[in-house]
Amino acid sequence: MIASVPQLLQNFYDNHLKPKYHASRAEMKNIRTAISAIAVLRQKSNMSQTDGQIIRNHMNTIADNIVLLGGGAIPESDATFSTKTVAKSKLGKNMTATTLSMRGPKKFSGSSPFETTPVWDEVNRRPSMYVCGHLLNHNLYGPGKNENMTPLTIDLNNEMARDIEKPLKEAVFEDGKAIRYTVTVTYGNHANRDYSDRDNNWIPEELYLATQLAFEAHELDPANKWADKPGGKINIPAKKPHVLPPDTVPKRLPAININTASEVAMVAARMKGIGAKRAHLLMNLRRQHKTAGHKRFNSYDDLLAVPGITQAIVDELRAAGRITLY
């Protein structure tokens, strides 16, 4: 079971502060009040930017009062983000948190995703399959901005919560440690997608999704200017593969009449095997049919006359019900 941040903070209070300091001290009361306020906000299913800023402020209150109690300095959390542009979308490429601690960062705060990309809009057509995944988890102050996001399968996102983020949250909020943490994303080259023909995929944008995420975390040493602590490597998996779901028909879009639809409409319909190039070739063939006195495509197999459209593509279009003839 993954404990909530308020529960981890309460464990820190009970195990590290309560045995040392009297509960009646003003600093202890301030810490309890801040933990209770965070618990109320964490009950929401969606963390807004404002919620994240308030939680960060409460975390700073906790950090300030720990210092006043004599618990030692707590460094400010900080992180940098870099992106990779794929399919006209900026996705998170690298997150380097030089410090994560109970003291929140000045430049950003944790939140649910609040930006979107064309890639996300497309892959989200697979119902209950993907999430906008944080490189730096929102519970660890990760913002819901595109620079910190990448589409991930729900399965991988759950694995990261259990195997990566759980031990990091425990280190920071339950043990009161400061840590360093990096995430690096590798994109492209999925084994179960057709890269030789981009349009021969139900959602071509899936070609560009992450194939692997790499992780590294290390405890910092307060006795050595917050450098890496000897022997302080945190035990988390070094890598996690990102395996795409099978290339089955995604969320159904309206069917397209292949005899009447415009070239623009065919491209916008996102039909497997029919991208901009083949939509143009199909329109040319339709004009040729009209010139020759043929009024329409009379069967799905008539599409085989379009260069590049194979029997497999025709069979999938027929089975998916994405095109009509009448």
Protein backbone atom coordinates (compact mmCIF):
# COMPACT_ATOMS: atom_id res chain seq x y z
CA MET A 1 0.00 0.00 0.00
CA ILE A 2 1.24 3.48 -0.91
CA ALA A 3 0.88 5.87 2.03
CA SER A 4 -0.37 9.41 1.37
CA VAL A 5 1.91 12.41 1.86
CA PRO A 6 -0.06 13.58 4.95
CA GLN A 7 0.35 10.12 6.50
CA LEU A 8 4.10 10.17 5.78
CA LEU A 9 4.37 13.62 7.36
CA GLN A 10 2.44 12.40 10.38
CA ASN A 11 4.84 9.46 10.66
CA PHE A 12 7.75 11.92 10.58
CA TYR A 13 6.13 13.97 13.33
CA ASP A 14 5.45 10.90 15.49
CA ASN A 15 8.82 9.19 14.99
CA HIS A 16 11.28 12.08 14.71
CA LEU A 17 9.78 15.15 16.40
CA LYS A 18 7.43 13.93 19.12
CA PRO A 19 10.13 11.95 21.02
CA LYS A 20 12.40 15.02 21.11
CA TYR A 21 10.15 18.07 21.56
CA HIS A 22 7.15 18.74 23.79
CA ALA A 23 3.85 18.78 21.89
CA SER A 24 2.83 22.08 23.52
CA ARG A 25 5.60 24.05 21.85
CA ALA A 26 4.35 26.59 19.32
CA GLU A 27 6.53 25.10 16.58
CA MET A 28 5.01 21.65 17.12
CA LYS A 29 1.50 23.12 16.96
CA ASN A 30 2.39 24.92 13.71
CA ILE A 31 3.62 21.67 12.18
CA ARG A 32 0.48 19.77 13.20
CA THR A 33 -1.71 22.53 11.76
CA ALA A 34 0.19 22.46 8.47
CA ILE A 35 -0.07 18.65 8.20
CA SER A 36 -3.83 18.83 8.82
CA ALA A 37 -4.23 21.53 6.15
CA ILE A 38 -2.29 19.44 3.63
CA ALA A 39 -4.47 16.42 4.44
CA VAL A 40 -7.62 18.40 3.58
CA LEU A 41 -6.22 19.52 0.22
CA ARG A 42 -4.99 16.01 -0.61
CA GLN A 43 -8.53 14.68 -0.41
CA LYS A 44 -9.24 16.24 -3.80
CA SER A 45 -8.96 13.95 -6.82
CA ASN A 46 -7.45 16.74 -8.91
CA MET A 47 -4.68 19.01 -7.61
CA SER A 48 -5.00 22.46 -9.13
CA GLN A 49 -2.07 24.86 -9.50
CA THR A 50 -3.47 26.89 -6.60
CA ASP A 51 -3.75 23.77 -4.43
CA GLY A 52 -0.13 22.92 -5.22
CA GLN A 53 1.04 26.40 -4.27
CA ILE A 54 -0.84 26.25 -0.97
CA ILE A 55 0.60 22.81 -0.19
CA ARG A 56 4.09 24.09 -1.00
CA ASN A 57 3.55 26.97 1.43
CA HIS A 58 2.45 24.55 4.15
CA MET A 59 5.54 22.41 3.49
CA ASN A 60 7.69 25.52 3.93
CA THR A 61 5.92 26.20 7.24
CA ILE A 62 6.80 22.67 8.36
CA ALA A 63 10.43 23.13 7.26
CA ASP A 64 10.74 26.54 8.97
CA ASN A 65 9.41 25.18 12.26
CA ILE A 66 11.67 22.12 12.15
CA VAL A 67 14.60 24.53 11.87
CA LEU A 68 13.27 26.61 14.78
CA LEU A 69 13.03 23.46 16.88
CA GLY A 70 16.72 22.85 16.23
CA GLY A 71 16.28 20.10 13.69
CA GLY A 72 18.93 21.45 11.34
CA ALA A 73 18.90 23.24 8.00
CA ILE A 74 16.59 22.05 5.20
CA PRO A 75 17.66 22.96 1.66
CA GLU A 76 15.19 24.32 -0.89
CA SER A 77 13.90 21.87 -3.48
CA ASP A 78 14.77 22.66 -7.08
CA ALA A 79 14.64 20.99 -10.49
CA THR A 80 15.23 21.71 -14.17
CA PHE A 81 13.35 20.30 -17.15
CA SER A 82 14.16 19.77 -20.82
CA THR A 83 11.85 18.75 -23.67
CA LYS A 84 11.87 16.86 -26.95
CA THR A 85 9.64 17.98 -29.82
CA VAL A 86 7.86 15.08 -31.50
CA ALA A 87 4.88 15.26 -33.86
CA LYS A 88 4.56 19.02 -33.20
CA SER A 89 4.39 18.39 -29.45
CA LYS A 90 6.84 19.27 -26.69
CA LEU A 91 7.17 16.32 -24.33
CA GLY A 92 9.33 15.95 -21.23
CA LYS A 93 12.79 14.57 -22.03
CA ASN A 94 14.77 15.03 -18.82
CA MET A 95 14.04 16.08 -15.25
CA THR A 96 16.94 16.79 -12.91
CA ALA A 97 15.99 17.55 -9.33
CA THR A 98 19.19 18.77 -7.74
CA THR A 99 17.34 18.77 -4.41
CA LEU A 100 14.05 17.40 -3.12
CA SER A 101 13.25 18.06 0.52
CA MET A 102 10.47 19.17 2.85
CA ARG A 103 11.15 22.74 1.74
CA GLY A 104 9.33 23.43 -1.51
CA PRO A 105 10.80 25.06 -4.63
CA LYS A 106 10.31 28.75 -5.38
CA LYS A 107 9.90 28.40 -9.16
CA PHE A 108 7.11 25.80 -9.38
CA SER A 109 4.69 23.65 -7.40
CA GLY A 110 2.98 20.31 -7.81
CA SER A 111 -0.27 19.95 -9.75
CA SER A 112 -2.31 17.69 -11.95
CA PRO A 113 -1.70 18.15 -15.72
CA PHE A 114 -2.96 21.53 -16.95
CA GLU A 115 -1.38 21.66 -20.43
CA THR A 116 -1.98 19.39 -23.40
CA THR A 117 -0.32 18.48 -26.71
CA PRO A 118 -1.49 17.17 -30.11
CA VAL A 119 0.18 13.84 -29.31
CA TRP A 120 -1.79 13.51 -26.07
CA ASP A 121 -5.06 14.41 -27.82
CA GLU A 122 -4.49 11.57 -30.30
CA VAL A 123 -3.26 8.79 -28.01
CA ASN A 124 -6.05 9.62 -25.56
CA ARG A 125 -8.44 8.14 -28.14
CA ARG A 126 -7.60 4.78 -26.57
CA PRO A 127 -10.06 4.74 -23.65
CA SER A 128 -8.59 4.05 -20.20
CA MET A 129 -5.16 3.26 -21.65
CA TYR A 130 -2.94 6.33 -21.18
CA VAL A 131 -2.35 9.09 -18.66
CA CYS A 132 -0.36 12.31 -18.84
CA GLY A 133 2.52 11.00 -16.76
CA HIS A 134 4.70 13.24 -14.59
CA LEU A 135 8.48 12.87 -14.78
CA LEU A 136 8.61 14.50 -11.34
CA ASN A 137 5.54 13.33 -9.42
CA HIS A 138 3.11 16.06 -8.38
CA ASN A 139 3.45 14.91 -4.75
CA LEU A 140 7.16 15.79 -5.04
CA TYR A 141 6.34 19.30 -6.34
CA GLY A 142 6.20 18.22 -10.02
CA PRO A 143 4.21 20.75 -12.10
CA GLY A 144 1.55 19.68 -14.59
CA LYS A 145 3.34 21.48 -17.44
CA ASN A 146 4.31 19.82 -20.73
CA GLU A 147 8.02 20.03 -19.88
CA ASN A 148 7.35 17.61 -17.00
CA MET A 149 4.83 15.38 -18.80
CA THR A 150 4.83 12.48 -21.24
CA PRO A 151 1.99 10.12 -22.22
CA LEU A 152 2.38 6.81 -20.39
CA THR A 153 0.28 3.69 -20.19
CA ILE A 154 -1.68 3.41 -16.97
CA ASP A 155 0.23 0.21 -16.18
CA LEU A 156 3.63 1.94 -16.34
CA ASN A 157 2.36 4.94 -14.40
CA ASN A 158 1.19 2.59 -11.62
CA GLU A 159 4.56 0.82 -11.63
CA MET A 160 6.35 4.14 -11.24
CA ALA A 161 4.10 5.10 -8.33
CA ARG A 162 4.89 1.82 -6.56
CA ASP A 163 8.55 1.21 -7.44
CA ILE A 164 9.96 4.72 -7.92
CA GLU A 165 7.88 7.42 -6.29
CA LYS A 166 6.87 5.53 -3.15
CA PRO A 167 10.45 5.12 -1.81
CA LEU A 168 11.28 8.72 -2.78
CA LYS A 169 8.28 10.15 -0.94
CA GLU A 170 9.14 8.02 2.09
CA ALA A 171 12.72 9.32 2.05
CA VAL A 172 11.65 12.98 1.85
CA PHE A 173 8.43 13.18 3.87
CA GLU A 174 8.72 10.29 6.34
CA ASP A 175 12.48 10.24 6.98
CA GLY A 176 13.11 13.97 6.45
CA LYS A 177 15.97 13.41 4.00
CA ALA A 178 17.08 15.61 1.14
CA ILE A 179 17.67 13.72 -2.10
CA ARG A 180 18.82 14.19 -5.69
CA TYR A 181 16.70 12.61 -8.43
CA THR A 182 16.84 12.38 -12.24
CA VAL A 183 14.51 10.97 -14.88
CA THR A 184 15.51 10.57 -18.53
CA VAL A 185 13.08 9.57 -21.28
CA THR A 186 13.98 7.74 -24.51
CA TYR A 187 11.52 8.14 -27.39
CA GLY A 188 10.60 6.12 -30.50
CA ASN A 189 11.22 2.66 -32.00
CA HIS A 190 8.45 0.52 -30.52
CA ALA A 191 8.57 -3.13 -31.56
CA ASN A 192 4.81 -3.42 -32.06
CA ARG A 193 4.34 -0.52 -34.49
CA ASP A 194 4.97 -0.13 -38.24
CA TYR A 195 7.74 2.42 -38.80
CA SER A 196 8.16 1.59 -42.49
CA ASP A 197 4.70 3.05 -43.18
CA ARG A 198 3.63 5.67 -40.66
CA ASP A 199 0.02 5.64 -41.85
CA ASN A 200 -0.22 1.90 -41.33
CA ASN A 201 -0.94 2.49 -37.63
CA TRP A 202 -4.30 3.34 -36.10
CA ILE A 203 -2.74 6.19 -34.12
CA PRO A 204 0.51 7.23 -35.86
CA GLU A 205 1.43 9.51 -32.92
CA GLU A 206 2.05 6.39 -30.82
CA LEU A 207 5.20 5.86 -32.89
CA TYR A 208 6.80 8.75 -31.03
CA LEU A 209 5.92 7.83 -27.46
CA ALA A 210 8.52 6.95 -24.84
CA THR A 211 10.12 3.52 -25.11
CA GLN A 212 12.02 3.70 -21.81
CA LEU A 213 12.42 5.81 -18.70
CA ALA A 214 15.66 5.81 -16.69
CA PHE A 215 15.86 6.78 -13.01
CA GLU A 216 18.54 7.61 -10.46
CA ALA A 217 18.20 8.90 -6.89
CA HIS A 218 20.72 9.61 -4.14
CA GLU A 219 20.52 10.89 -0.59
CA LEU A 220 22.31 14.20 0.07
CA ASP A 221 24.69 14.76 2.98
CA PRO A 222 23.97 17.79 5.24
CA ALA A 223 27.44 17.40 6.77
CA ASN A 224 29.10 17.87 3.37
CA LYS A 225 27.32 20.85 1.84
CA TRP A 226 24.51 18.63 0.52
CA ALA A 227 26.77 16.61 -1.75
CA ASP A 228 25.91 12.97 -2.48
CA LYS A 229 26.12 10.98 0.73
CA PRO A 230 28.59 8.06 0.56
CA GLY A 231 26.59 4.87 0.27
CA GLY A 232 23.40 6.93 -0.04
CA LYS A 233 22.11 5.61 -3.36
CA ILE A 234 18.37 5.03 -3.08
CA ASN A 235 17.25 1.58 -4.16
CA ILE A 236 14.95 2.13 -7.12
CA PRO A 237 14.91 0.46 -10.57
CA ALA A 238 17.39 2.02 -12.98
CA LYS A 239 15.06 1.63 -15.97
CA LYS A 240 11.45 0.95 -16.85
CA PRO A 241 10.40 -0.10 -20.38
CA HIS A 242 7.32 1.50 -21.87
CA VAL A 243 5.41 -1.11 -23.87
CA LEU A 244 2.58 0.16 -26.04
CA PRO A 245 -0.78 -1.61 -26.15
CA PRO A 246 -1.64 -3.66 -29.26
CA ASP A 247 -2.44 -1.57 -32.33
CA THR A 248 -6.16 -2.21 -32.19
CA VAL A 249 -8.93 0.12 -33.30
CA PRO A 250 -9.04 3.11 -30.92
CA LYS A 251 -12.09 5.04 -29.78
CA ARG A 252 -14.46 5.01 -32.72
CA LEU A 253 -14.70 8.15 -34.83
CA PRO A 254 -17.53 8.88 -37.30
CA ALA A 255 -17.48 6.69 -40.42
CA ILE A 256 -16.40 8.31 -43.69
CA ASN A 257 -18.19 7.76 -46.99
CA ILE A 258 -15.31 6.94 -49.27
CA ASN A 259 -17.32 7.98 -52.35
CA THR A 260 -18.30 11.46 -51.16
CA ALA A 261 -15.80 12.57 -48.48
CA SER A 262 -13.37 15.36 -49.30
CA GLU A 263 -9.63 14.83 -49.18
CA VAL A 264 -9.44 17.00 -46.05
CA ALA A 265 -12.17 14.96 -44.35
CA MET A 266 -10.41 11.67 -45.11
CA VAL A 267 -7.17 12.92 -43.57
CA ALA A 268 -8.98 14.30 -40.53
CA ALA A 269 -10.77 10.95 -40.02
CA ARG A 270 -7.48 9.33 -39.00
CA MET A 271 -8.14 6.03 -40.78
CA LYS A 272 -5.42 3.41 -40.57
CA GLY A 273 -3.48 3.22 -43.82
CA ILE A 274 -4.90 6.46 -45.23
CA GLY A 275 -2.81 9.50 -44.48
CA ALA A 276 -2.46 12.71 -46.49
CA LYS A 277 -0.58 11.05 -49.37
CA ARG A 278 -3.01 8.17 -49.87
CA ALA A 279 -6.04 10.40 -49.39
CA HIS A 280 -4.73 12.45 -52.32
CA LEU A 281 -4.14 9.31 -54.41
CA LEU A 282 -7.61 8.05 -53.55
CA MET A 283 -9.15 11.33 -54.69
CA ASN A 284 -7.24 11.09 -57.97
CA LEU A 285 -8.55 7.55 -58.48
CA ARG A 286 -12.08 8.71 -57.74
CA ARG A 287 -11.75 11.40 -60.41
CA GLN A 288 -10.43 8.83 -62.88
CA HIS A 289 -13.43 6.59 -62.13
CA LYS A 290 -15.77 9.48 -62.77
CA THR A 291 -14.06 10.31 -66.07
CA ALA A 292 -14.27 6.67 -67.14
CA GLY A 293 -17.97 6.57 -66.33
CA HIS A 294 -17.69 4.71 -63.00
CA LYS A 295 -19.83 6.43 -60.42
CA ARG A 296 -18.38 5.03 -57.19
CA PHE A 297 -16.34 2.47 -55.28
CA ASN A 298 -18.65 -0.53 -55.11
CA SER A 299 -16.66 -2.64 -52.65
CA TYR A 300 -13.94 -2.27 -50.05
CA ASP A 301 -11.59 -4.23 -52.30
CA ASP A 302 -11.79 -1.42 -54.86
CA LEU A 303 -9.46 0.46 -52.50
CA LEU A 304 -6.67 -1.97 -53.44
CA ALA A 305 -6.24 0.11 -56.58
CA VAL A 306 -4.84 2.93 -54.45
CA PRO A 307 -1.01 2.61 -54.35
CA GLY A 308 0.15 1.40 -50.93
CA ILE A 309 -3.21 0.18 -49.65
CA THR A 310 -2.86 -3.52 -48.95
CA GLN A 311 -5.40 -6.27 -48.37
CA ALA A 312 -4.53 -6.15 -44.65
CA ILE A 313 -5.38 -2.44 -44.49
CA VAL A 314 -8.65 -3.00 -46.35
CA ASP A 315 -9.58 -5.85 -44.00
CA GLU A 316 -8.93 -3.71 -40.91
CA LEU A 317 -10.91 -0.76 -42.30
CA ARG A 318 -13.80 -3.09 -43.08
CA ALA A 319 -13.72 -4.71 -39.63
CA ALA A 320 -13.50 -1.33 -37.87
CA GLY A 321 -16.47 0.10 -39.73
CA ARG A 322 -14.55 3.30 -40.41
CA ILE A 323 -15.62 3.70 -44.05
CA THR A 324 -18.92 3.33 -45.85
CA LEU A 325 -19.66 2.92 -49.54
CA TYR A 326 -23.22 4.29 -49.60
